[in-house]
Amino acid sequence: MNFVEYRMIKTSCRPVFFAVLIILKMVNASDNVPDREKTSLLDSVISQFTVKYCCQSSLEACLKKKDSCTIATRLYDFANWLVQLDTGHINIMKQLEKRYEGFTDTTHYSIDTSRLKWAGSPEAPVRVIVYVSSTCNLCKLVTGEIYDSVRVGKLSGKVKLMIIPFGSGIGDIALYAADSDGRLWELFEAMRKNSTRYKEEDILNMAREVGIEKKKFKQLLNNPRFRNSQISAREEGTKNGVEVTPTIFINEKRYRSYKDPQWIIDAALFEFDKIKSASQN
C-alpha cells in the first residue's frame, strides 16, 4: 500500500471513526444514568432519615458533624447497600428505621444458654444466639458465616456464638446429641455442606464423619433427654416471639434487620463498640 492509498483509506474512515466515537459517548452517558439515579436516591434517603439517638438531625447532617456517631456511619453504609440493590425509596426508609430501632432497642429476652456449647472465646462480651432449623439453608448460610467470623474473622475475640435448634426434625435432635459428645459444631459444619432433608441414615453418616461411632450416635438419638431439650427450646423460643428460622438475638436483644451475614456481623460489632466505649467512660 502506497502513501496515497493509505491517505485515501484513512480519510474515508474518518466519518466512521467519529460516528463510532459519538455512539460510545452516548452509551457511556446512558450507562451513567443509573449511577446518577442511585446517587440521587441515596442523597434523598440520608436527607430525610432522622437519627434521634445521637444527633437529633437528619442522617446527612449527622454525617457532616466532626464526630459523627457510629450509628450514623453504619446506617449510611446500610442505606448505600440498599440503594445498590434497587429496593426503592419507601423500602429503604422502612429498612433503615428497623435497623435504627435495632441499634437503640433495650428490650432483653430470657434465653437459657446452658443447653449447648458456645463457639468462640468464652470471654467475648457479645453473645450472638441464633434459633435455627437443621434443614434451613438460610440458617446454615447465616450461622456458618458468623461462625467463620467468630473463629478467624472480624468477630474473633469479640463475639461468641450459640445455635439453638428450633426445628422438629431428627437433625435438630442430632445437634443436641452431638453437643453431649463435644461435637456440636463439627456436626453443624457437616450439615452446612448438605442441603437435603435428612433421614436418620444421613445423620448417622455425618456423625461418623465427625468422629462419632454410628452405633453410639444412634443410641444418643433415641435418648429422650435430647427430644426434651428440643421441646424445651421450642417453647422458650415461641415465648420469645420466634416464629421462623433463623431468628437472631445479640446480647439477648432481638435482631430485626436484614438476615444477611454482613449486616448481622455489623450489628454484633456495633454492640461490641458500644460496650467498649462504655467501659472507657
Foldseek 3Di string as FASTA:
>chain_A
DDPVVVVVVVVVCVVVVVVVVVVVVVVVVVVCVLVVVLVVLLVVQQQPDAQCPPDRHGLVVLVPDPCRDPLSVLLSVQLSVVSVVVPDNVVSNVQSVLQSCLLVPDDFADDDPPQFDKQADPPAPKEKEWAAALQDLLQLQQVVVVNVCCPPRPCHSHYIYYYQHQDQDLRNLLLSLCRVVVCNVQLSVLSNVPNDDDDLVNSLVSCVVSPDHSVVSVVSSPPVVSVVSNVVNNVSCVVVVDDDPTWMDMNRHTRDHDSDNVVVVVSSVSVSVVVVVVVVD
